[in-house]
PDB file of all heavy atoms in Angstrom:
ATOM      1  N   ARG A   1     108.565  96.480 106.802  1.00  0.00           N
ATOM      2  CA  ARG A   1     109.189  96.791 105.508  1.00  0.00           C
ATOM      3  C   ARG A   1     108.215  96.680 104.342  1.00  0.00           C
ATOM      4  O   ARG A   1     108.408  97.297 103.303  1.00  0.00           O
ATOM      5  CB  ARG A   1     110.377  95.853 105.246  1.00  0.00           C
ATOM      6  CG  ARG A   1     111.621  96.239 105.995  1.00  0.00           C
ATOM      7  CD  ARG A   1     112.788  95.320 105.630  1.00  0.00           C
ATOM      8  NE  ARG A   1     113.227  95.454 104.237  1.00  0.00           N
ATOM      9  CZ  ARG A   1     113.925  96.467 103.763  1.00  0.00           C
ATOM     10  NH1 ARG A   1     114.264  97.457 104.545  1.00  0.00           N
ATOM     11  NH2 ARG A   1     114.287  96.494 102.489  1.00  0.00           N
ATOM     12  N   PHE A   2     107.165  95.871 104.521  1.00  0.00           N
ATOM     13  CA  PHE A   2     106.194  95.698 103.444  1.00  0.00           C
ATOM     14  C   PHE A   2     105.624  97.053 103.010  1.00  0.00           C
ATOM     15  O   PHE A   2     105.299  97.265 101.851  1.00  0.00           O
ATOM     16  CB  PHE A   2     105.067  94.762 103.882  1.00  0.00           C
ATOM     17  CG  PHE A   2     104.032  94.527 102.816  1.00  0.00           C
ATOM     18  CD1 PHE A   2     104.306  93.707 101.735  1.00  0.00           C
ATOM     19  CD2 PHE A   2     102.788  95.137 102.881  1.00  0.00           C
ATOM     20  CE1 PHE A   2     103.352  93.497 100.736  1.00  0.00           C
ATOM     21  CE2 PHE A   2     101.829  94.929 101.887  1.00  0.00           C
ATOM     22  CZ  PHE A   2     102.119  94.103 100.814  1.00  0.00           C
ATOM     23  N   PHE A   3     105.539  97.990 103.969  1.00  0.00           N
ATOM     24  CA  PHE A   3     104.903  99.275 103.665  1.00  0.00           C
ATOM     25  C   PHE A   3     105.788 100.213 102.852  1.00  0.00           C
ATOM     26  O   PHE A   3     105.355 101.284 102.452  1.00  0.00           O
ATOM     27  CB  PHE A   3     104.357  99.899 104.953  1.00  0.00           C
ATOM     28  CG  PHE A   3     103.336  98.986 105.577  1.00  0.00           C
ATOM     29  CD1 PHE A   3     103.672  98.144 106.624  1.00  0.00           C
ATOM     30  CD2 PHE A   3     102.058  98.885 105.034  1.00  0.00           C
ATOM     31  CE1 PHE A   3     102.739  97.243 107.147  1.00  0.00           C
ATOM     32  CE2 PHE A   3     101.116  97.993 105.546  1.00  0.00           C
ATOM     33  CZ  PHE A   3     101.458  97.175 106.602  1.00  0.00           C
ATOM     34  N   LEU A   4     106.999  99.772 102.545  1.00  0.00           N
ATOM     35  CA  LEU A   4     107.840 100.512 101.595  1.00  0.00           C
ATOM     36  C   LEU A   4     107.147 100.603 100.231  1.00  0.00           C
ATOM     37  O   LEU A   4     107.481 101.458  99.420  1.00  0.00           O
ATOM     38  CB  LEU A   4     109.194  99.804 101.408  1.00  0.00           C
ATOM     39  CG  LEU A   4     110.241  99.975 102.515  1.00  0.00           C
ATOM     40  CD1 LEU A   4     111.402  99.014 102.279  1.00  0.00           C
ATOM     41  CD2 LEU A   4     110.752 101.405 102.558  1.00  0.00           C
ATOM     42  N   HIS A   5     106.188  99.686  99.996  1.00  0.00           N
ATOM     43  CA  HIS A   5     105.510  99.680  98.689  1.00  0.00           C
ATOM     44  C   HIS A   5     104.826 101.015  98.404  1.00  0.00           C
ATOM     45  O   HIS A   5     104.670 101.417  97.257  1.00  0.00           O
ATOM     46  CB  HIS A   5     104.519  98.517  98.571  1.00  0.00           C
ATOM     47  CG  HIS A   5     103.245  98.690  99.362  1.00  0.00           C
ATOM     48  ND1 HIS A   5     102.214  99.489  98.930  1.00  0.00           N
ATOM     49  CD2 HIS A   5     102.842  98.158 100.534  1.00  0.00           C
ATOM     50  CE1 HIS A   5     101.223  99.440  99.808  1.00  0.00           C
ATOM     51  NE2 HIS A   5     101.584  98.647 100.801  1.00  0.00           N
ATOM     52  N   VAL A   6     104.455 101.717  99.470  1.00  0.00           N
ATOM     53  CA  VAL A   6     103.748 102.990  99.301  1.00  0.00           C
ATOM     54  C   VAL A   6     104.613 103.973  98.502  1.00  0.00           C
ATOM     55  O   VAL A   6     104.108 104.740  97.679  1.00  0.00           O
ATOM     56  CB  VAL A   6     103.369 103.581 100.684  1.00  0.00           C
ATOM     57  CG1 VAL A   6     102.746 104.959 100.525  1.00  0.00           C
ATOM     58  CG2 VAL A   6     102.424 102.639 101.406  1.00  0.00           C
ATOM     59  N   THR A   7     105.931 103.942  98.713  1.00  0.00           N
ATOM     60  CA  THR A   7     106.807 104.830  97.935  1.00  0.00           C
ATOM     61  C   THR A   7     107.478 104.114  96.766  1.00  0.00           C
ATOM     62  O   THR A   7     107.757 104.732  95.742  1.00  0.00           O
ATOM     63  CB  THR A   7     107.906 105.460  98.831  1.00  0.00           C
ATOM     64  OG1 THR A   7     108.504 104.417  99.601  1.00  0.00           O
ATOM     65  CG2 THR A   7     107.321 106.499  99.759  1.00  0.00           C
ATOM     66  N   ASP A   8     107.743 102.814  96.909  1.00  0.00           N
ATOM     67  CA  ASP A   8     108.462 102.075  95.849  1.00  0.00           C
ATOM     68  C   ASP A   8     107.671 101.986  94.544  1.00  0.00           C
ATOM     69  O   ASP A   8     108.192 102.261  93.464  1.00  0.00           O
ATOM     70  CB  ASP A   8     108.790 100.643  96.299  1.00  0.00           C
ATOM     71  CG  ASP A   8     110.008 100.580  97.211  1.00  0.00           C
ATOM     72  OD1 ASP A   8     110.716 101.601  97.326  1.00  0.00           O
ATOM     73  OD2 ASP A   8     110.246  99.506  97.800  1.00  0.00           O
ATOM     74  N   PHE A   9     106.415 101.552  94.644  1.00  0.00           N
ATOM     75  CA  PHE A   9     105.670 101.231  93.419  1.00  0.00           C
ATOM     76  C   PHE A   9     105.394 102.452  92.534  1.00  0.00           C
ATOM     77  O   PHE A   9     105.539 102.365  91.320  1.00  0.00           O
ATOM     78  CB  PHE A   9     104.407 100.423  93.748  1.00  0.00           C
ATOM     79  CG  PHE A   9     104.713  98.951  93.916  1.00  0.00           C
ATOM     80  CD1 PHE A   9     105.396  98.490  95.032  1.00  0.00           C
ATOM     81  CD2 PHE A   9     104.355  98.026  92.944  1.00  0.00           C
ATOM     82  CE1 PHE A   9     105.721  97.146  95.180  1.00  0.00           C
ATOM     83  CE2 PHE A   9     104.667  96.678  93.081  1.00  0.00           C
ATOM     84  CZ  PHE A   9     105.350  96.235  94.206  1.00  0.00           C
ATOM     85  N   PRO A  10     105.069 103.610  93.126  1.00  0.00           N
ATOM     86  CA  PRO A  10     104.885 104.782  92.258  1.00  0.00           C
ATOM     87  C   PRO A  10     106.187 105.236  91.577  1.00  0.00           C
ATOM     88  O   PRO A  10     106.148 105.938  90.575  1.00  0.00           O
ATOM     89  CB  PRO A  10     104.389 105.868  93.231  1.00  0.00           C
ATOM     90  CG  PRO A  10     103.841 105.114  94.398  1.00  0.00           C
ATOM     91  CD  PRO A  10     104.668 103.879  94.510  1.00  0.00           C
ATOM     92  N   MET A  11     107.346 104.822  92.125  1.00  0.00           N
ATOM     93  CA  MET A  11     108.632 105.226  91.543  1.00  0.00           C
ATOM     94  C   MET A  11     109.097 104.293  90.426  1.00  0.00           C
ATOM     95  O   MET A  11     109.969 104.633  89.638  1.00  0.00           O
ATOM     96  CB  MET A  11     109.724 105.213  92.626  1.00  0.00           C
ATOM     97  CG  MET A  11     109.772 106.456  93.477  1.00  0.00           C
ATOM     98  SD  MET A  11     110.863 106.179  94.890  1.00  0.00           S
ATOM     99  CE  MET A  11     112.454 106.011  94.072  1.00  0.00           C
ATOM    100  N   ALA A  12     108.543 103.095  90.395  1.00  0.00           N
ATOM    101  CA  ALA A  12     109.051 102.073  89.465  1.00  0.00           C
ATOM    102  C   ALA A  12     108.776 102.462  88.014  1.00  0.00           C
ATOM    103  O   ALA A  12     107.769 103.095  87.712  1.00  0.00           O
ATOM    104  CB  ALA A  12     108.386 100.739  89.768  1.00  0.00           C
ATOM    105  N   ASP A  13     109.711 102.070  87.112  1.00  0.00           N
ATOM    106  CA  ASP A  13     109.412 102.308  85.693  1.00  0.00           C
ATOM    107  C   ASP A  13     109.254 100.997  84.925  1.00  0.00           C
ATOM    108  O   ASP A  13     109.100 100.999  83.706  1.00  0.00           O
ATOM    109  CB  ASP A  13     110.439 103.248  85.031  1.00  0.00           C
ATOM    110  CG  ASP A  13     111.870 102.859  85.317  1.00  0.00           C
ATOM    111  OD1 ASP A  13     112.096 101.690  85.689  1.00  0.00           O
ATOM    112  OD2 ASP A  13     112.748 103.712  85.172  1.00  0.00           O
ATOM    113  N   LEU A  14     109.300  99.883  85.652  1.00  0.00           N
ATOM    114  CA  LEU A  14     109.007  98.569  85.066  1.00  0.00           C
ATOM    115  C   LEU A  14     108.727  97.623  86.218  1.00  0.00           C
ATOM    116  O   LEU A  14     109.411  97.680  87.240  1.00  0.00           O
ATOM    117  CB  LEU A  14     110.215  98.065  84.255  1.00  0.00           C
ATOM    118  CG  LEU A  14     110.118  96.644  83.667  1.00  0.00           C
ATOM    119  CD1 LEU A  14     109.017  96.550  82.623  1.00  0.00           C
ATOM    120  CD2 LEU A  14     111.454  96.234  83.040  1.00  0.00           C
ATOM    121  N   LEU A  15     107.714  96.771  86.073  1.00  0.00           N
ATOM    122  CA  LEU A  15     107.400  95.799  87.128  1.00  0.00           C
ATOM    123  C   LEU A  15     107.463  94.386  86.550  1.00  0.00           C
ATOM    124  O   LEU A  15     106.735  94.059  85.614  1.00  0.00           O
ATOM    125  CB  LEU A  15     105.999  96.065  87.706  1.00  0.00           C
ATOM    126  CG  LEU A  15     105.479  95.041  88.729  1.00  0.00           C
ATOM    127  CD1 LEU A  15     106.354  94.999  89.977  1.00  0.00           C
ATOM    128  CD2 LEU A  15     104.032  95.347  89.127  1.00  0.00           C
ATOM    129  N   PHE A  16     108.350  93.576  87.110  1.00  0.00           N
ATOM    130  CA  PHE A  16     108.364  92.146  86.780  1.00  0.00           C
ATOM    131  C   PHE A  16     107.540  91.403  87.825  1.00  0.00           C
ATOM    132  O   PHE A  16     107.691  91.652  89.028  1.00  0.00           O
ATOM    133  CB  PHE A  16     109.792  91.584  86.840  1.00  0.00           C
ATOM    134  CG  PHE A  16     110.654  91.960  85.667  1.00  0.00           C
ATOM    135  CD1 PHE A  16     111.764  92.777  85.845  1.00  0.00           C
ATOM    136  CD2 PHE A  16     110.376  91.487  84.388  1.00  0.00           C
ATOM    137  CE1 PHE A  16     112.566  93.132  84.767  1.00  0.00           C
ATOM    138  CE2 PHE A  16     111.174  91.829  83.307  1.00  0.00           C
ATOM    139  CZ  PHE A  16     112.271  92.659  83.495  1.00  0.00           C
ATOM    140  N   ILE A  17     106.680  90.498  87.358  1.00  0.00           N
ATOM    141  CA  ILE A  17     105.922  89.634  88.269  1.00  0.00           C
ATOM    142  C   ILE A  17     106.266  88.201  87.861  1.00  0.00           C
ATOM    143  O   ILE A  17     105.942  87.769  86.755  1.00  0.00           O
ATOM    144  CB  ILE A  17     104.403  89.905  88.145  1.00  0.00           C
ATOM    145  CG1 ILE A  17     104.113  91.370  88.512  1.00  0.00           C
ATOM    146  CG2 ILE A  17     103.613  88.958  89.030  1.00  0.00           C
ATOM    147  CD1 ILE A  17     102.706  91.825  88.207  1.00  0.00           C
ATOM    148  N   ILE A  18     106.971  87.510  88.746  1.00  0.00           N
ATOM    149  CA  ILE A  18     107.547  86.224  88.339  1.00  0.00           C
ATOM    150  C   ILE A  18     107.129  85.101  89.292  1.00  0.00           C
ATOM    151  O   ILE A  18     107.381  85.163  90.503  1.00  0.00           O
ATOM    152  CB  ILE A  18     109.107  86.303  88.310  1.00  0.00           C
ATOM    153  CG1 ILE A  18     109.572  87.513  87.475  1.00  0.00           C
ATOM    154  CG2 ILE A  18     109.705  85.016  87.746  1.00  0.00           C
ATOM    155  CD1 ILE A  18     111.078  87.691  87.415  1.00  0.00           C
ATOM    156  N   GLY A  19     106.466  84.091  88.735  1.00  0.00           N
ATOM    157  CA  GLY A  19     106.182  82.872  89.488  1.00  0.00           C
ATOM    158  C   GLY A  19     105.267  83.047  90.690  1.00  0.00           C
ATOM    159  O   GLY A  19     105.569  82.571  91.777  1.00  0.00           O
ATOM    160  N   THR A  20     104.144  83.716  90.506  1.00  0.00           N
ATOM    161  CA  THR A  20     103.197  83.862  91.625  1.00  0.00           C
ATOM    162  C   THR A  20     101.763  83.718  91.124  1.00  0.00           C
ATOM    163  O   THR A  20     101.441  84.116  90.008  1.00  0.00           O
ATOM    164  CB  THR A  20     103.355  85.215  92.353  1.00  0.00           C
ATOM    165  OG1 THR A  20     102.222  85.417  93.219  1.00  0.00           O
ATOM    166  CG2 THR A  20     103.466  86.390  91.390  1.00  0.00           C
ATOM    167  N   SER A  21     100.915  83.164  91.989  1.00  0.00           N
ATOM    168  CA  SER A  21      99.502  82.990  91.617  1.00  0.00           C
ATOM    169  C   SER A  21      98.716  84.284  91.838  1.00  0.00           C
ATOM    170  O   SER A  21      97.551  84.382  91.452  1.00  0.00           O
ATOM    171  CB  SER A  21      98.878  81.863  92.451  1.00  0.00           C
ATOM    172  OG  SER A  21      98.970  82.192  93.828  1.00  0.00           O
ATOM    173  N   LEU A  22      99.338  85.279  92.471  1.00  0.00           N
ATOM    174  CA  LEU A  22      98.653  86.542  92.821  1.00  0.00           C
ATOM    175  C   LEU A  22      97.307  86.279  93.499  1.00  0.00           C
ATOM    176  O   LEU A  22      96.311  86.904  93.192  1.00  0.00           O
ATOM    177  CB  LEU A  22      98.469  87.442  91.585  1.00  0.00           C
ATOM    178  CG  LEU A  22      99.721  88.099  91.012  1.00  0.00           C
ATOM    179  CD1 LEU A  22      99.365  89.005  89.830  1.00  0.00           C
ATOM    180  CD2 LEU A  22     100.471  88.927  92.054  1.00  0.00           C
ATOM    181  N   GLU A  23      97.311  85.327  94.441  1.00  0.00           N
ATOM    182  CA  GLU A  23      96.064  84.994  95.141  1.00  0.00           C
ATOM    183  C   GLU A  23      96.047  85.499  96.578  1.00  0.00           C
ATOM    184  O   GLU A  23      94.995  85.633  97.186  1.00  0.00           O
ATOM    185  CB  GLU A  23      95.858  83.469  95.166  1.00  0.00           C
ATOM    186  CG  GLU A  23      95.312  82.922  93.862  1.00  0.00           C
ATOM    187  CD  GLU A  23      95.197  81.409  93.874  1.00  0.00           C
ATOM    188  OE1 GLU A  23      95.394  80.798  94.944  1.00  0.00           O
ATOM    189  OE2 GLU A  23      94.911  80.834  92.811  1.00  0.00           O
ATOM    190  N   VAL A  24      97.228  85.718  97.142  1.00  0.00           N
ATOM    191  CA  VAL A  24      97.291  86.043  98.567  1.00  0.00           C
ATOM    192  C   VAL A  24      97.397  87.559  98.761  1.00  0.00           C
ATOM    193  O   VAL A  24      98.306  88.194  98.245  1.00  0.00           O
ATOM    194  CB  VAL A  24      98.504  85.341  99.228  1.00  0.00           C
ATOM    195  CG1 VAL A  24      98.579  85.676 100.715  1.00  0.00           C
ATOM    196  CG2 VAL A  24      98.415  83.832  99.034  1.00  0.00           C
ATOM    197  N   GLU A  25      96.441  88.102  99.484  1.00  0.00           N
ATOM    198  CA  GLU A  25      96.443  89.546  99.781  1.00  0.00           C
ATOM    199  C   GLU A  25      97.170  89.796 101.111  1.00  0.00           C
ATOM    200  O   GLU A  25      97.211  88.912 101.942  1.00  0.00           O
ATOM    201  CB  GLU A  25      95.001  90.061  99.862  1.00  0.00           C
ATOM    202  CG  GLU A  25      94.246  90.019  98.543  1.00  0.00           C
ATOM    203  CD  GLU A  25      94.798  90.982  97.479  1.00  0.00           C
ATOM    204  OE1 GLU A  25      95.751  91.735  97.769  1.00  0.00           O
ATOM    205  OE2 GLU A  25      94.279  90.950  96.360  1.00  0.00           O
ATOM    206  N   PRO A  26      97.724  90.983 101.320  1.00  0.00           N
ATOM    207  CA  PRO A  26      97.692  92.141 100.426  1.00  0.00           C
ATOM    208  C   PRO A  26      98.763  92.126  99.324  1.00  0.00           C
ATOM    209  O   PRO A  26      98.808  93.022  98.498  1.00  0.00           O
ATOM    210  CB  PRO A  26      97.922  93.320 101.385  1.00  0.00           C
ATOM    211  CG  PRO A  26      98.729  92.742 102.490  1.00  0.00           C
ATOM    212  CD  PRO A  26      98.313  91.314 102.630  1.00  0.00           C
ATOM    213  N   PHE A  27      99.619  91.108  99.310  1.00  0.00           N
ATOM    214  CA  PHE A  27     100.707  91.064  98.322  1.00  0.00           C
ATOM    215  C   PHE A  27     100.178  91.200  96.895  1.00  0.00           C
ATOM    216  O   PHE A  27     100.692  91.978  96.095  1.00  0.00           O
ATOM    217  CB  PHE A  27     101.480  89.733  98.466  1.00  0.00           C
ATOM    218  CG  PHE A  27     102.731  89.647  97.629  1.00  0.00           C
ATOM    219  CD1 PHE A  27     103.950  90.113  98.116  1.00  0.00           C
ATOM    220  CD2 PHE A  27     102.701  89.090  96.352  1.00  0.00           C
ATOM    221  CE1 PHE A  27     105.112  90.028  97.351  1.00  0.00           C
ATOM    222  CE2 PHE A  27     103.861  89.009  95.577  1.00  0.00           C
ATOM    223  CZ  PHE A  27     105.067  89.479  96.087  1.00  0.00           C
ATOM    224  N   ALA A  28      99.120  90.445  96.588  1.00  0.00           N
ATOM    225  CA  ALA A  28      98.621  90.385  95.210  1.00  0.00           C
ATOM    226  C   ALA A  28      98.241  91.757  94.656  1.00  0.00           C
ATOM    227  O   ALA A  28      98.477  92.057  93.479  1.00  0.00           O
ATOM    228  CB  ALA A  28      97.425  89.437  95.137  1.00  0.00           C
ATOM    229  N   SER A  29      97.670  92.611  95.517  1.00  0.00           N
ATOM    230  CA  SER A  29      97.177  93.898  95.019  1.00  0.00           C
ATOM    231  C   SER A  29      98.309  94.846  94.617  1.00  0.00           C
ATOM    232  O   SER A  29      98.075  95.845  93.936  1.00  0.00           O
ATOM    233  CB  SER A  29      96.275  94.562  96.055  1.00  0.00           C
ATOM    234  OG  SER A  29      97.004  94.722  97.253  1.00  0.00           O
ATOM    235  N   LEU A  30      99.556  94.520  95.006  1.00  0.00           N
ATOM    236  CA  LEU A  30     100.686  95.358  94.604  1.00  0.00           C
ATOM    237  C   LEU A  30     100.833  95.402  93.083  1.00  0.00           C
ATOM    238  O   LEU A  30     101.349  96.369  92.529  1.00  0.00           O
ATOM    239  CB  LEU A  30     102.000  94.838  95.208  1.00  0.00           C
ATOM    240  CG  LEU A  30     102.138  94.898  96.733  1.00  0.00           C
ATOM    241  CD1 LEU A  30     103.502  94.381  97.151  1.00  0.00           C
ATOM    242  CD2 LEU A  30     101.924  96.309  97.262  1.00  0.00           C
ATOM    243  N   ALA A  31     100.350  94.353  92.418  1.00  0.00           N
ATOM    244  CA  ALA A  31     100.452  94.311  90.949  1.00  0.00           C
ATOM    245  C   ALA A  31      99.758  95.510  90.314  1.00  0.00           C
ATOM    246  O   ALA A  31     100.120  95.933  89.218  1.00  0.00           O
ATOM    247  CB  ALA A  31      99.858  93.008  90.413  1.00  0.00           C
ATOM    248  N   GLY A  32      98.764  96.067  91.018  1.00  0.00           N
ATOM    249  CA  GLY A  32      98.047  97.219  90.473  1.00  0.00           C
ATOM    250  C   GLY A  32      98.578  98.553  90.987  1.00  0.00           C
ATOM    251  O   GLY A  32      98.005  99.604  90.703  1.00  0.00           O
ATOM    252  N   ALA A  33      99.688  98.518  91.746  1.00  0.00           N
ATOM    253  CA  ALA A  33     100.153  99.736  92.426  1.00  0.00           C
ATOM    254  C   ALA A  33     101.129 100.580  91.608  1.00  0.00           C
ATOM    255  O   ALA A  33     101.500 101.670  92.021  1.00  0.00           O
ATOM    256  CB  ALA A  33     100.794  99.373  93.766  1.00  0.00           C
ATOM    257  N   VAL A  34     101.563 100.069  90.440  1.00  0.00           N
ATOM    258  CA  VAL A  34     102.435 100.908  89.605  1.00  0.00           C
ATOM    259  C   VAL A  34     101.563 101.837  88.757  1.00  0.00           C
ATOM    260  O   VAL A  34     100.398 101.549  88.510  1.00  0.00           O
ATOM    261  CB  VAL A  34     103.363 100.071  88.672  1.00  0.00           C
ATOM    262  CG1 VAL A  34     104.458  99.390  89.473  1.00  0.00           C
ATOM    263  CG2 VAL A  34     102.579  99.064  87.848  1.00  0.00           C
ATOM    264  N   ARG A  35     102.168 102.933  88.307  1.00  0.00           N
ATOM    265  CA  ARG A  35     101.423 103.882  87.469  1.00  0.00           C
ATOM    266  C   ARG A  35     100.960 103.170  86.189  1.00  0.00           C
ATOM    267  O   ARG A  35     101.599 102.239  85.714  1.00  0.00           O
ATOM    268  CB  ARG A  35     102.330 105.065  87.113  1.00  0.00           C
ATOM    269  CG  ARG A  35     102.636 105.979  88.293  1.00  0.00           C
ATOM    270  CD  ARG A  35     103.818 106.886  88.033  1.00  0.00           C
ATOM    271  NE  ARG A  35     105.064 106.124  87.910  1.00  0.00           N
ATOM    272  CZ  ARG A  35     106.045 106.432  87.071  1.00  0.00           C
ATOM    273  NH1 ARG A  35     105.943 107.480  86.273  1.00  0.00           N
ATOM    274  NH2 ARG A  35     107.144 105.686  87.028  1.00  0.00           N
ATOM    275  N   SER A  36      99.839 103.635  85.619  1.00  0.00           N
ATOM    276  CA  SER A  36      99.260 102.932  84.465  1.00  0.00           C
ATOM    277  C   SER A  36     100.153 103.006  83.225  1.00  0.00           C
ATOM    278  O   SER A  36     100.034 102.190  82.319  1.00  0.00           O
ATOM    279  CB  SER A  36      97.872 103.488  84.152  1.00  0.00           C
ATOM    280  OG  SER A  36      97.986 104.875  83.886  1.00  0.00           O
ATOM    281  N   SER A  37     101.095 103.954  83.212  1.00  0.00           N
ATOM    282  CA  SER A  37     102.000 104.058  82.056  1.00  0.00           C
ATOM    283  C   SER A  37     103.170 103.068  82.147  1.00  0.00           C
ATOM    284  O   SER A  37     103.944 102.921  81.209  1.00  0.00           O
ATOM    285  CB  SER A  37     102.566 105.477  81.973  1.00  0.00           C
ATOM    286  OG  SER A  37     103.269 105.780  83.171  1.00  0.00           O
TER     287      SER A  37
END
């Protein structure tokens, strides 16, 4: 299910990141997976 990110993140129009150190990969890199706008 983790690979749903391939379609989910480009579709998002807002990303909340709550309570994480963003240190553990590959989870952390999802923060950069939304469109730059």
